[in-house]
Protein backbone atom coordinates (compact mmCIF):
# COMPACT_ATOMS: atom_id res chain seq x y z
CA MET A 1 -11.53 -14.32 -5.53
CA VAL A 2 -8.45 -12.13 -5.30
CA ASP A 3 -6.37 -12.55 -2.19
CA LEU A 4 -5.94 -8.94 -1.03
CA ALA A 5 -3.49 -10.01 1.67
CA SER A 6 -0.96 -10.65 -0.97
CA ALA A 7 -2.12 -8.27 -3.70
CA SER A 8 0.38 -5.59 -4.86
CA ALA A 9 0.36 -2.39 -6.88
CA GLU A 10 1.74 -4.36 -9.76
CA TYR A 11 -1.40 -6.56 -9.76
CA PHE A 12 -3.78 -3.56 -10.01
CA GLU A 13 -1.72 -1.28 -12.42
CA PRO A 14 -2.87 -3.05 -15.58
CA LEU A 15 -6.42 -2.63 -14.36
CA VAL A 16 -6.46 1.22 -14.37
CA GLY A 17 -9.29 2.48 -16.44
CA ARG A 18 -11.25 -0.91 -16.11
CA GLN A 19 -14.77 -1.05 -14.70
CA PHE A 20 -15.51 -2.94 -11.51
CA HIS A 21 -19.12 -3.86 -10.66
CA ALA A 22 -20.71 -3.68 -7.16
CA GLY A 23 -24.19 -5.13 -7.85
CA ASP A 24 -25.75 -2.62 -10.17
CA LEU A 25 -23.18 0.08 -9.37
CA THR A 26 -20.15 0.51 -11.67
CA LEU A 27 -16.87 1.94 -10.44
CA ARG A 28 -13.75 2.71 -12.45
CA LEU A 29 -10.27 2.14 -11.19
CA ALA A 30 -8.80 5.64 -11.67
CA SER A 31 -5.33 5.29 -10.25
CA VAL A 32 -2.83 3.10 -8.38
CA THR A 33 -0.28 5.07 -6.27
CA ARG A 34 2.79 3.34 -4.72
CA GLY A 35 4.00 4.40 -1.31
CA GLU A 36 7.61 4.10 0.00
CA PRO A 37 8.74 0.61 0.88
CA GLN A 38 9.03 0.00 4.59
CA PRO A 39 11.76 -2.27 6.10
CA GLY A 40 10.32 -5.46 7.46
CA GLN A 41 6.93 -5.05 5.74
CA PRO A 42 5.81 -7.83 3.44
CA ARG A 43 4.76 -5.42 0.63
CA THR A 44 5.18 -1.93 -0.62
CA PRO A 45 2.13 0.17 0.50
CA PHE A 46 -0.23 1.36 -2.16
CA ARG A 47 -3.48 3.20 -2.76
CA LEU A 48 -6.27 2.61 -5.20
CA VAL A 49 -8.69 5.35 -6.22
CA PHE A 50 -11.99 4.46 -7.79
CA THR A 51 -14.60 6.79 -9.33
CA GLY A 52 -18.28 6.21 -9.41
CA PRO A 53 -21.37 8.02 -10.62
CA ARG A 54 -22.29 11.25 -8.89
CA ASP A 55 -25.94 10.24 -8.60
CA ARG A 56 -25.10 7.13 -6.41
CA PHE A 57 -23.20 7.55 -3.25
CA LEU A 58 -21.43 4.37 -1.77
CA PRO A 59 -20.96 4.72 2.05
CA GLN A 60 -17.70 3.65 3.65
CA GLY A 61 -17.43 -0.09 4.06
CA THR A 62 -16.44 -3.41 2.57
CA VAL A 63 -17.81 -3.88 -0.97
CA ARG A 64 -17.63 -6.90 -3.22
CA LEU A 65 -16.27 -5.74 -6.64
CA ALA A 66 -16.21 -7.90 -9.74
CA GLU A 67 -14.06 -7.21 -12.81
CA GLU A 68 -13.94 -9.27 -15.93
CA THR A 69 -10.22 -10.29 -15.73
CA ALA A 70 -9.52 -9.91 -11.96
CA GLY A 71 -12.54 -11.74 -10.78
CA GLU A 72 -14.12 -10.81 -7.45
CA LEU A 73 -12.60 -8.94 -4.44
CA ASP A 74 -13.93 -7.81 -1.21
CA ILE A 75 -12.45 -4.37 -0.57
CA PHE A 76 -12.74 -1.70 2.07
CA LEU A 77 -13.67 1.61 0.24
CA VAL A 78 -13.72 5.07 1.84
CA PRO A 79 -15.44 8.00 0.05
CA ILE A 80 -12.77 10.76 -0.25
CA GLY A 81 -14.48 13.43 -2.40
CA MET A 82 -16.59 14.35 -5.31
CA THR A 83 -16.29 16.53 -8.42
CA ASN A 84 -19.10 17.80 -10.58
CA GLU A 85 -19.08 14.49 -12.36
CA VAL A 86 -18.04 11.64 -9.98
CA PHE A 87 -17.60 10.41 -6.43
CA GLU A 88 -14.09 9.26 -5.57
CA TYR A 89 -13.33 6.35 -3.28
CA GLU A 90 -10.04 4.92 -2.00
CA ALA A 91 -8.60 1.62 -0.71
CA VAL A 92 -5.31 1.76 1.12
CA PHE A 93 -2.99 -1.30 1.46
CA GLY A 94 -0.15 -1.25 3.97
């Protein structure tokens, strides 16, 4: 299981484009965005954006995601929008 308390943008960047599975729902890591480093903070903030199918909505909450190389992680996802094709979800790390 991934330790999200110490995870960083560098950990997730190679996983952009990969599929993460939440039970029978598949999400794709669409982007990793780095924030500005903050003095005294243990890590640089970053944001993950996942996309999922438009026909399946995932409500805000903690979800267990599994990825082939990353393993499992429990991550808090928030729905942030939708397009004609996908729902978008984000996870923010401070």
